[in-house]
């Protein structure tokens, strides 16, 4: 079972690198928006995990997940905003 998980992780890494390196620059902004949506789903999942915390350790780990997911979402939107400003005409 462990070998199968390692195999899937290596295969996902190779496919991810191949896909990301072949994306044209024009599509980076829509892909960033999609990644932000996925991060938002992660944030909802971490809220649920923190709410179900039956022990203090689970609650603390859920809270840390909320913090990191929030940082990821906010950072993603900041990068997207900066990329969109590059396409605006200067006055």
Protein backbone atom coordinates (compact mmCIF):
# COMPACT_ATOMS: atom_id res chain seq x y z
CA UNK A 1 0.00 0.00 0.00
CA UNK A 2 2.85 2.40 0.81
CA UNK A 3 4.44 1.73 -2.58
CA UNK A 4 1.18 2.64 -4.28
CA UNK A 5 1.03 5.98 -2.43
CA UNK A 6 4.65 6.75 -3.33
CA UNK A 7 3.96 5.83 -6.96
CA UNK A 8 0.92 8.14 -7.11
CA UNK A 9 2.86 11.02 -5.50
CA UNK A 10 5.75 10.68 -7.96
CA UNK A 11 3.39 10.39 -10.93
CA UNK A 12 1.38 13.44 -9.80
CA UNK A 13 4.58 15.45 -9.41
CA UNK A 14 5.81 14.57 -12.90
CA UNK A 15 2.44 15.31 -14.52
CA UNK A 16 2.09 18.57 -12.54
CA UNK A 17 5.51 19.82 -13.61
CA UNK A 18 4.81 18.88 -17.23
CA UNK A 19 1.44 20.64 -17.26
CA UNK A 20 2.63 23.80 -15.50
CA UNK A 21 5.69 24.28 -17.70
CA UNK A 22 3.57 24.04 -20.85
CA UNK A 23 1.00 26.68 -19.87
CA UNK A 24 1.20 29.81 -22.02
CA UNK A 25 1.60 33.10 -20.10
CA UNK A 26 -1.83 34.27 -21.25
CA UNK A 27 -3.49 31.51 -19.20
CA UNK A 28 -1.63 32.10 -15.93
CA UNK A 29 -4.27 34.46 -14.50
CA UNK A 30 -7.24 32.09 -15.06
CA UNK A 31 -5.24 29.22 -13.62
CA UNK A 32 -4.39 31.29 -10.55
CA UNK A 33 -8.09 32.03 -10.08
CA UNK A 34 -8.85 28.33 -10.24
CA UNK A 35 -6.15 27.60 -7.69
CA UNK A 36 -7.69 30.22 -5.40
CA UNK A 37 -11.04 28.46 -5.66
CA UNK A 38 -9.42 25.18 -4.63
CA UNK A 39 -7.73 26.95 -1.72
CA UNK A 40 -11.13 28.26 -0.68
CA UNK A 41 -12.43 24.70 -0.55
CA UNK A 42 -9.42 23.81 1.59
CA UNK A 43 -10.32 26.65 3.92
CA UNK A 44 -13.86 25.33 4.32
CA UNK A 45 -12.50 21.85 5.02
CA UNK A 46 -10.14 23.18 7.66
CA UNK A 47 -13.03 25.03 9.34
CA UNK A 48 -14.97 21.78 9.47
CA UNK A 49 -11.94 19.93 10.83
CA UNK A 50 -11.42 22.53 13.56
CA UNK A 51 -15.10 22.38 14.48
CA UNK A 52 -15.08 18.62 14.88
CA UNK A 53 -12.03 18.74 17.14
CA UNK A 54 -12.74 16.09 19.75
CA UNK A 55 -9.40 16.64 21.42
CA UNK A 56 -7.21 19.68 21.93
CA UNK A 57 -4.64 18.39 19.45
CA UNK A 58 -7.25 18.10 16.69
CA UNK A 59 -8.58 21.56 17.44
CA UNK A 60 -5.09 23.06 17.36
CA UNK A 61 -4.26 21.30 14.08
CA UNK A 62 -7.55 22.49 12.60
CA UNK A 63 -6.79 26.04 13.70
CA UNK A 64 -3.33 25.85 12.10
CA UNK A 65 -4.93 24.55 8.91
CA UNK A 66 -7.28 27.55 8.94
CA UNK A 67 -4.35 29.94 9.30
CA UNK A 68 -2.31 28.37 6.49
CA UNK A 69 -5.30 28.06 4.14
CA UNK A 70 -6.19 31.71 4.75
CA UNK A 71 -2.62 32.79 3.99
CA UNK A 72 -2.76 30.75 0.80
CA UNK A 73 -6.08 32.27 -0.33
CA UNK A 74 -5.10 35.88 0.45
CA UNK A 75 -1.67 35.46 -1.17
CA UNK A 76 -3.24 33.92 -4.27
CA UNK A 77 -5.66 36.79 -4.67
CA UNK A 78 -2.84 39.31 -4.19
CA UNK A 79 -0.80 37.64 -6.93
CA UNK A 80 -3.85 37.50 -9.23
CA UNK A 81 -4.56 41.18 -8.64
CA UNK A 82 -0.95 42.08 -9.40
CA UNK A 83 -1.03 40.03 -12.61
CA UNK A 84 -4.27 41.68 -13.73
CA UNK A 85 -2.76 45.13 -13.15
CA UNK A 86 -0.05 44.24 -15.66
CA UNK A 87 -2.69 43.99 -18.42
CA UNK A 88 -4.35 47.35 -17.69
CA UNK A 89 -3.48 50.30 -19.89
CA UNK A 90 -1.41 52.97 -18.23
CA UNK A 91 -2.77 56.52 -18.20
